[in-house]
Amino acid sequence: MNQKTSRKLQFTVARAGIRLDRYIAEECPELSRSSIQKLAEEGHITVNGAEVKRSSSLDIGDKVIIIIPPSFPPSLLAEEIPLNIVYEDDDLLVVDKPAGLTVHPAPGHPSHTLVNAILAHYPNLSGIGSPGRPGIVHRLDKDTSGLMVVAKNDAAQQNISAQIKARSVTKRYLVLVMGHLSPDRGIIEASIGRDPGNRKRMAVVSGGREARTHYRVIKYMDNYTLLEVSPETGRTHQIRVHLAAIGYPVVGDEVYGTRSPILRRQFLHAHHLGFRLPSTGEQIELSSELPPDLEEALKHISSPL
């Protein structure tokens, strides 16, 4: 091990019964589940000096050591990528993220992310929040467009994170699904976890994490339904998984549905974001118009060739 460039993380477990990978995910939020898996497979994670499976159960007093190789996670580089900033103050900014832009670097994807773009405008963010994810308090999938809040300082990061945990941040998405969803409003309540048949996907599973999604129909169009969707919880791929689970997959979602002839990505846009400003407690409500590709998809449905 190169002591100058590798990092060593060491923890003493304070509660029994938790899985090793879940414990690391809680203690090291900068590491994704796939990163933890890779580190474990390569022998960089030990418990009491021995290599163990990431599914192993921990006991009180266990010593967990993680060795982060020099390029894991990758170094953060500032990149001049255009940003659409819809709100900004001394504590935070809200950006309108385009589809196709990953939020933060990860193994195998070290650059050209929203974080790289933000660092070009605000280099001081590099020390805020989790390593590899400065200022990031919530995420959007790569092919989901719309509003995201980014913290500029630790106090703002903690404040917004607390609001998200308390479920007082309002997030509303415009979503197009296949078929006519009925009833015209409702709540999807089903726990979400890793798909046991495909670890790269999420699924509705017994024993998963609690997940609730509210929806209302905006209008029916041909054999589609345009929805406004509000996730009460924030599970990975929650909206996509829940809608697919009830038989109405998001248009263009090739992971949980099928390829669409009218759109090259999933029709999922975070069009509304509401939260309290950390400095004053004032409630702020922001909105974002549908991007051109989603507008074109709706036009195609309204006026098919």
Protein backbone atom coordinates (compact mmCIF):
# COMPACT_ATOMS: atom_id res chain seq x y z
CA MET A 1 0.00 0.00 0.00
CA ASN A 2 1.22 3.48 -0.87
CA GLN A 3 0.81 5.28 2.42
CA LYS A 4 1.13 8.66 0.77
CA THR A 5 -1.85 8.29 -1.52
CA SER A 6 -4.04 5.51 -0.12
CA ARG A 7 -6.55 6.24 2.65
CA LYS A 8 -7.26 4.07 5.67
CA LEU A 9 -10.63 4.24 7.40
CA GLN A 10 -11.12 2.44 10.71
CA PHE A 11 -14.29 1.94 12.72
CA THR A 12 -15.34 0.16 15.88
CA VAL A 13 -18.84 -1.27 15.62
CA ALA A 14 -21.23 -0.04 18.31
CA ARG A 15 -24.25 -2.25 17.63
CA ALA A 16 -24.78 -5.91 16.77
CA GLY A 17 -26.59 -7.55 13.90
CA ILE A 18 -26.02 -5.05 11.11
CA ARG A 19 -24.65 -6.28 7.78
CA LEU A 20 -21.13 -5.18 6.90
CA ASP A 21 -22.10 -3.46 3.63
CA ARG A 22 -24.97 -1.59 5.27
CA TYR A 23 -22.73 -0.49 8.14
CA ILE A 24 -20.13 0.88 5.71
CA ALA A 25 -22.83 2.63 3.67
CA GLU A 26 -24.01 4.41 6.83
CA GLU A 27 -20.53 5.32 8.06
CA CYS A 28 -19.15 6.26 4.61
CA PRO A 29 -21.97 7.90 2.60
CA GLU A 30 -19.42 8.92 -0.03
CA LEU A 31 -19.12 5.25 -1.02
CA SER A 32 -21.86 3.85 -3.24
CA ARG A 33 -23.12 0.28 -2.81
CA SER A 34 -21.24 -0.75 -5.95
CA SER A 35 -18.05 0.89 -4.61
CA ILE A 36 -18.37 -1.05 -1.35
CA GLN A 37 -18.87 -4.26 -3.31
CA LYS A 38 -15.79 -3.57 -5.42
CA LEU A 39 -13.65 -2.75 -2.38
CA ALA A 40 -14.79 -5.96 -0.67
CA GLU A 41 -14.15 -8.11 -3.74
CA GLU A 42 -10.64 -6.69 -4.06
CA GLY A 43 -9.81 -7.42 -0.42
CA HIS A 44 -9.71 -3.82 0.77
CA ILE A 45 -12.19 -4.38 3.61
CA THR A 46 -11.38 -6.44 6.71
CA VAL A 47 -13.14 -7.19 9.98
CA ASN A 48 -10.85 -7.95 12.93
CA GLY A 49 -8.01 -8.37 10.47
CA ALA A 50 -9.73 -10.91 8.23
CA GLU A 51 -11.42 -10.60 4.85
CA VAL A 52 -15.13 -11.42 5.08
CA LYS A 53 -18.19 -11.34 2.85
CA ARG A 54 -19.94 -7.99 2.59
CA SER A 55 -23.13 -9.72 3.74
CA SER A 56 -21.48 -10.75 7.03
CA SER A 57 -23.20 -9.72 10.24
CA LEU A 58 -21.22 -7.53 12.63
CA ASP A 59 -20.92 -7.70 16.42
CA ILE A 60 -20.32 -4.97 18.98
CA GLY A 61 -16.61 -4.18 19.19
CA ASP A 62 -15.69 -5.50 15.74
CA LYS A 63 -12.87 -3.55 14.08
CA VAL A 64 -13.66 -2.63 10.48
CA ILE A 65 -10.81 -1.35 8.33
CA ILE A 66 -11.23 -0.02 4.79
CA ILE A 67 -8.29 0.77 2.54
CA ILE A 68 -9.22 3.26 -0.20
CA PRO A 69 -6.78 2.89 -3.14
CA PRO A 70 -5.19 6.05 -4.62
CA SER A 71 -7.72 6.51 -7.41
CA PHE A 72 -10.79 5.35 -5.48
CA PRO A 73 -12.80 7.53 -5.48
CA PRO A 74 -11.27 9.59 -8.30
CA SER A 75 -9.87 13.05 -7.70
CA LEU A 76 -12.35 15.85 -8.27
CA LEU A 77 -11.58 18.14 -11.16
CA ALA A 78 -13.31 21.41 -11.99
CA GLU A 79 -14.80 21.39 -15.50
CA GLU A 80 -16.35 24.24 -17.45
CA ILE A 81 -19.74 22.65 -18.00
CA PRO A 82 -22.69 25.06 -18.41
CA LEU A 83 -25.00 25.33 -15.41
CA ASN A 84 -28.58 26.60 -15.36
CA ILE A 85 -28.85 28.21 -11.90
CA VAL A 86 -32.44 29.10 -11.01
CA TYR A 87 -31.80 30.35 -7.45
CA GLU A 88 -28.75 31.30 -5.41
CA ASP A 89 -27.89 32.89 -2.07
CA ASP A 90 -24.94 32.71 0.36
CA ASP A 91 -25.95 29.26 1.58
CA LEU A 92 -27.02 27.33 -1.47
CA LEU A 93 -27.88 27.24 -5.13
CA VAL A 94 -30.59 25.41 -7.04
CA VAL A 95 -29.66 24.10 -10.47
CA ASP A 96 -31.83 22.81 -13.28
CA LYS A 97 -29.93 19.64 -14.18
CA PRO A 98 -30.13 18.47 -17.78
CA ALA A 99 -30.74 14.84 -18.66
CA GLY A 100 -27.57 12.91 -19.43
CA LEU A 101 -25.51 14.54 -16.69
CA THR A 102 -24.47 12.30 -13.78
CA VAL A 103 -24.62 14.04 -10.39
CA HIS A 104 -21.25 13.01 -8.91
CA PRO A 105 -18.11 11.06 -9.88
CA ALA A 106 -17.93 7.35 -9.20
CA PRO A 107 -15.55 4.54 -10.06
CA GLY A 108 -15.59 4.20 -13.84
CA HIS A 109 -17.10 7.67 -14.24
CA PRO A 110 -14.55 10.14 -12.83
CA SER A 111 -15.48 13.31 -14.70
CA HIS A 112 -18.07 15.34 -16.60
CA THR A 113 -20.58 15.32 -13.74
CA LEU A 114 -22.65 17.99 -12.04
CA VAL A 115 -20.09 18.10 -9.21
CA ASN A 116 -17.27 18.81 -11.69
CA ALA A 117 -19.35 21.62 -13.19
CA ILE A 118 -20.18 23.12 -9.79
CA LEU A 119 -16.53 23.09 -8.71
CA ALA A 120 -15.62 25.25 -11.72
CA HIS A 121 -17.98 27.93 -10.39
CA TYR A 122 -17.47 27.36 -6.65
CA PRO A 123 -14.06 25.77 -5.91
CA ASN A 124 -14.56 26.19 -2.15
CA LEU A 125 -17.27 23.52 -2.23
CA SER A 126 -14.57 20.85 -2.43
CA GLY A 127 -14.44 20.57 1.37
CA ILE A 128 -18.19 20.50 2.01
CA GLY A 129 -20.13 17.33 2.70
CA SER A 130 -19.06 13.82 1.75
CA PRO A 131 -15.77 13.30 -0.11
CA GLY A 132 -16.51 13.00 -3.80
CA ARG A 133 -19.93 14.63 -3.37
CA PRO A 134 -19.33 18.22 -2.19
CA GLY A 135 -22.53 20.13 -1.55
CA ILE A 136 -24.77 17.29 -2.73
CA VAL A 137 -27.71 16.63 -0.42
CA HIS A 138 -29.98 14.73 -2.81
CA ARG A 139 -29.65 13.24 -6.26
CA LEU A 140 -31.40 12.77 -9.58
CA ASP A 141 -30.75 9.86 -11.91
CA LYS A 142 -28.46 10.59 -14.85
CA ASP A 143 -31.35 10.62 -17.32
CA THR A 144 -33.75 12.54 -15.06
CA SER A 145 -33.83 16.30 -15.57
CA GLY A 146 -34.89 19.05 -13.20
CA LEU A 147 -34.27 20.89 -9.95
CA MET A 148 -31.59 20.05 -7.40
CA VAL A 149 -30.39 22.01 -4.38
CA VAL A 150 -26.64 22.24 -3.68
CA ALA A 151 -25.27 23.45 -0.34
CA LYS A 152 -22.43 26.00 -0.22
CA ASN A 153 -21.42 25.45 3.40
CA ASP A 154 -21.62 22.76 6.08
CA ALA A 155 -24.40 24.48 8.03
CA ALA A 156 -26.61 24.68 4.93
CA GLN A 157 -25.82 21.06 4.06
CA GLN A 158 -26.89 19.92 7.52
CA ASN A 159 -30.01 22.12 7.45
CA ILE A 160 -31.25 20.88 4.08
CA SER A 161 -30.38 17.27 4.94
CA ALA A 162 -32.43 17.60 8.14
CA GLN A 163 -35.40 18.95 6.15
CA ILE A 164 -35.18 16.02 3.75
CA LYS A 165 -35.00 13.56 6.64
CA ALA A 166 -38.06 15.21 8.21
CA ARG A 167 -39.84 14.92 4.82
CA SER A 168 -40.59 18.64 4.78
CA VAL A 169 -38.93 19.21 1.38
CA THR A 170 -41.53 19.05 -1.39
CA LYS A 171 -40.47 17.42 -4.64
CA ARG A 172 -42.85 17.06 -7.56
CA TYR A 173 -42.09 15.38 -10.86
CA LEU A 174 -43.78 15.37 -14.24
CA VAL A 175 -43.93 11.79 -15.48
CA LEU A 176 -45.38 10.17 -18.59
CA VAL A 177 -46.38 6.52 -18.25
CA MET A 178 -47.69 3.88 -20.60
CA GLY A 179 -51.43 3.21 -20.40
CA HIS A 180 -54.31 5.00 -18.65
CA LEU A 181 -53.56 5.00 -14.92
CA SER A 182 -56.67 4.68 -12.76
CA PRO A 183 -57.80 5.91 -10.27
CA ASP A 184 -56.75 9.44 -11.19
CA ARG A 185 -54.94 9.95 -7.89
CA GLY A 186 -53.52 7.69 -5.25
CA ILE A 187 -50.61 6.51 -3.13
CA ILE A 188 -48.27 3.66 -4.01
CA GLU A 189 -46.90 2.12 -0.83
CA ALA A 190 -44.45 -0.74 -1.27
CA SER A 191 -41.02 -1.39 0.23
CA ILE A 192 -38.01 -1.14 -2.10
CA GLY A 193 -34.71 -2.99 -2.03
CA ARG A 194 -32.14 -4.54 -4.36
CA ASP A 195 -33.62 -6.84 -6.97
CA PRO A 196 -32.46 -10.31 -5.85
CA GLY A 197 -32.24 -11.37 -9.50
CA ASN A 198 -30.25 -8.34 -10.68
CA ARG A 199 -28.21 -6.37 -8.16
CA LYS A 200 -27.99 -3.38 -10.52
CA ARG A 201 -31.75 -2.87 -10.29
CA MET A 202 -34.11 -1.99 -7.48
CA ALA A 203 -37.43 -3.76 -6.94
CA VAL A 204 -40.47 -3.99 -4.69
CA VAL A 205 -39.30 -6.64 -2.22
CA SER A 206 -40.34 -8.03 1.12
CA GLY A 207 -38.08 -6.64 3.81
CA GLY A 208 -37.03 -3.63 1.73
CA ARG A 209 -37.03 -0.03 2.91
CA GLU A 210 -40.33 1.81 3.40
CA ALA A 211 -41.37 3.77 0.29
CA ARG A 212 -44.43 5.90 -0.45
CA THR A 213 -45.22 7.70 -3.70
CA HIS A 214 -48.17 10.05 -4.28
CA TYR A 215 -49.49 10.66 -7.78
CA ARG A 216 -52.26 12.53 -9.57
CA VAL A 217 -53.28 12.39 -13.21
CA ILE A 218 -52.81 15.61 -15.16
CA LYS A 219 -54.29 14.26 -18.39
CA TYR A 220 -54.72 11.19 -20.55
CA MET A 221 -53.10 11.37 -23.98
CA ASP A 222 -53.66 8.60 -26.55
CA ASN A 223 -52.43 5.47 -24.73
CA TYR A 224 -50.39 7.45 -22.20
CA THR A 225 -50.96 9.25 -18.90
CA LEU A 226 -49.20 12.44 -17.84
CA LEU A 227 -48.75 12.49 -14.06
CA GLU A 228 -47.53 14.73 -11.31
CA VAL A 229 -45.72 12.49 -8.83
CA SER A 230 -44.53 13.33 -5.30
CA PRO A 231 -42.27 10.82 -3.57
CA GLU A 232 -42.73 10.96 0.20
CA THR A 233 -39.58 8.92 0.73
CA GLY A 234 -36.36 9.05 -1.28
CA ARG A 235 -35.42 5.51 -2.26
CA THR A 236 -33.19 4.79 -5.24
CA HIS A 237 -35.25 4.78 -8.49
CA GLN A 238 -38.40 5.01 -6.33
CA ILE A 239 -40.77 6.59 -8.86
CA ARG A 240 -39.64 4.31 -11.67
CA VAL A 241 -39.86 1.16 -9.54
CA HIS A 242 -43.26 1.98 -8.04
CA LEU A 243 -44.93 2.89 -11.33
CA ALA A 244 -43.52 -0.18 -13.07
CA ALA A 245 -44.67 -2.35 -10.16
CA ILE A 246 -48.31 -1.33 -10.65
CA GLY A 247 -48.12 -1.90 -14.40
CA TYR A 248 -47.52 1.66 -15.66
CA PRO A 249 -43.80 1.98 -16.48
CA VAL A 250 -42.27 5.38 -17.18
CA VAL A 251 -42.05 6.04 -20.91
CA GLY A 252 -38.49 5.56 -22.17
CA ASP A 253 -37.31 3.70 -19.06
CA GLU A 254 -35.34 0.77 -20.48
CA VAL A 255 -34.42 -0.58 -17.03
CA TYR A 256 -37.91 -0.98 -15.58
CA GLY A 257 -39.94 -0.76 -18.79
CA THR A 258 -39.12 -0.79 -22.49
CA ARG A 259 -37.50 1.42 -25.12
CA SER A 260 -39.82 4.11 -26.46
CA PRO A 261 -40.24 5.14 -30.11
CA ILE A 262 -40.94 8.75 -29.06
CA LEU A 263 -38.16 9.40 -26.54
CA ARG A 264 -34.52 8.40 -26.07
CA ARG A 265 -34.59 8.67 -22.25
CA GLN A 266 -37.06 8.28 -19.41
CA PHE A 267 -39.84 10.87 -19.22
CA LEU A 268 -39.08 12.03 -15.70
CA HIS A 269 -38.59 15.71 -14.83
CA ALA A 270 -38.24 17.25 -11.35
CA HIS A 271 -40.36 20.32 -12.04
CA HIS A 272 -41.04 21.63 -8.52
CA LEU A 273 -38.89 21.97 -5.40
CA GLY A 274 -39.94 23.57 -2.11
CA PHE A 275 -37.95 23.99 1.11
CA ARG A 276 -37.08 26.46 3.89
CA LEU A 277 -34.07 28.72 3.41
CA PRO A 278 -31.43 27.85 6.04
CA SER A 279 -30.68 31.51 6.78
CA THR A 280 -34.21 32.79 7.43
CA GLY A 281 -36.56 29.80 7.57
CA GLU A 282 -38.57 31.34 4.72
CA GLN A 283 -40.34 28.79 2.52
CA ILE A 284 -39.24 28.95 -1.11
CA GLU A 285 -41.01 27.28 -4.04
CA LEU A 286 -39.20 26.86 -7.36
CA SER A 287 -40.32 25.39 -10.67
CA SER A 288 -38.79 24.26 -13.95
CA GLU A 289 -40.39 24.02 -17.38
CA LEU A 290 -40.30 20.77 -19.34
CA PRO A 291 -37.10 20.52 -21.41
CA PRO A 292 -37.44 20.46 -25.23
CA ASP A 293 -37.11 16.68 -25.68
CA LEU A 294 -40.01 16.01 -23.29
CA GLU A 295 -42.12 18.75 -24.89
CA GLU A 296 -41.49 17.16 -28.30
CA ALA A 297 -42.59 13.77 -26.97
CA LEU A 298 -45.90 15.25 -25.79
CA LYS A 299 -46.40 16.97 -29.16
CA HIS A 300 -45.79 13.67 -30.93
CA ILE A 301 -48.51 12.02 -28.84
CA SER A 302 -50.95 14.90 -29.41
CA SER A 303 -50.30 15.00 -33.17
CA PRO A 304 -49.08 11.53 -34.22
CA LEU A 305 -47.77 11.13 -37.78
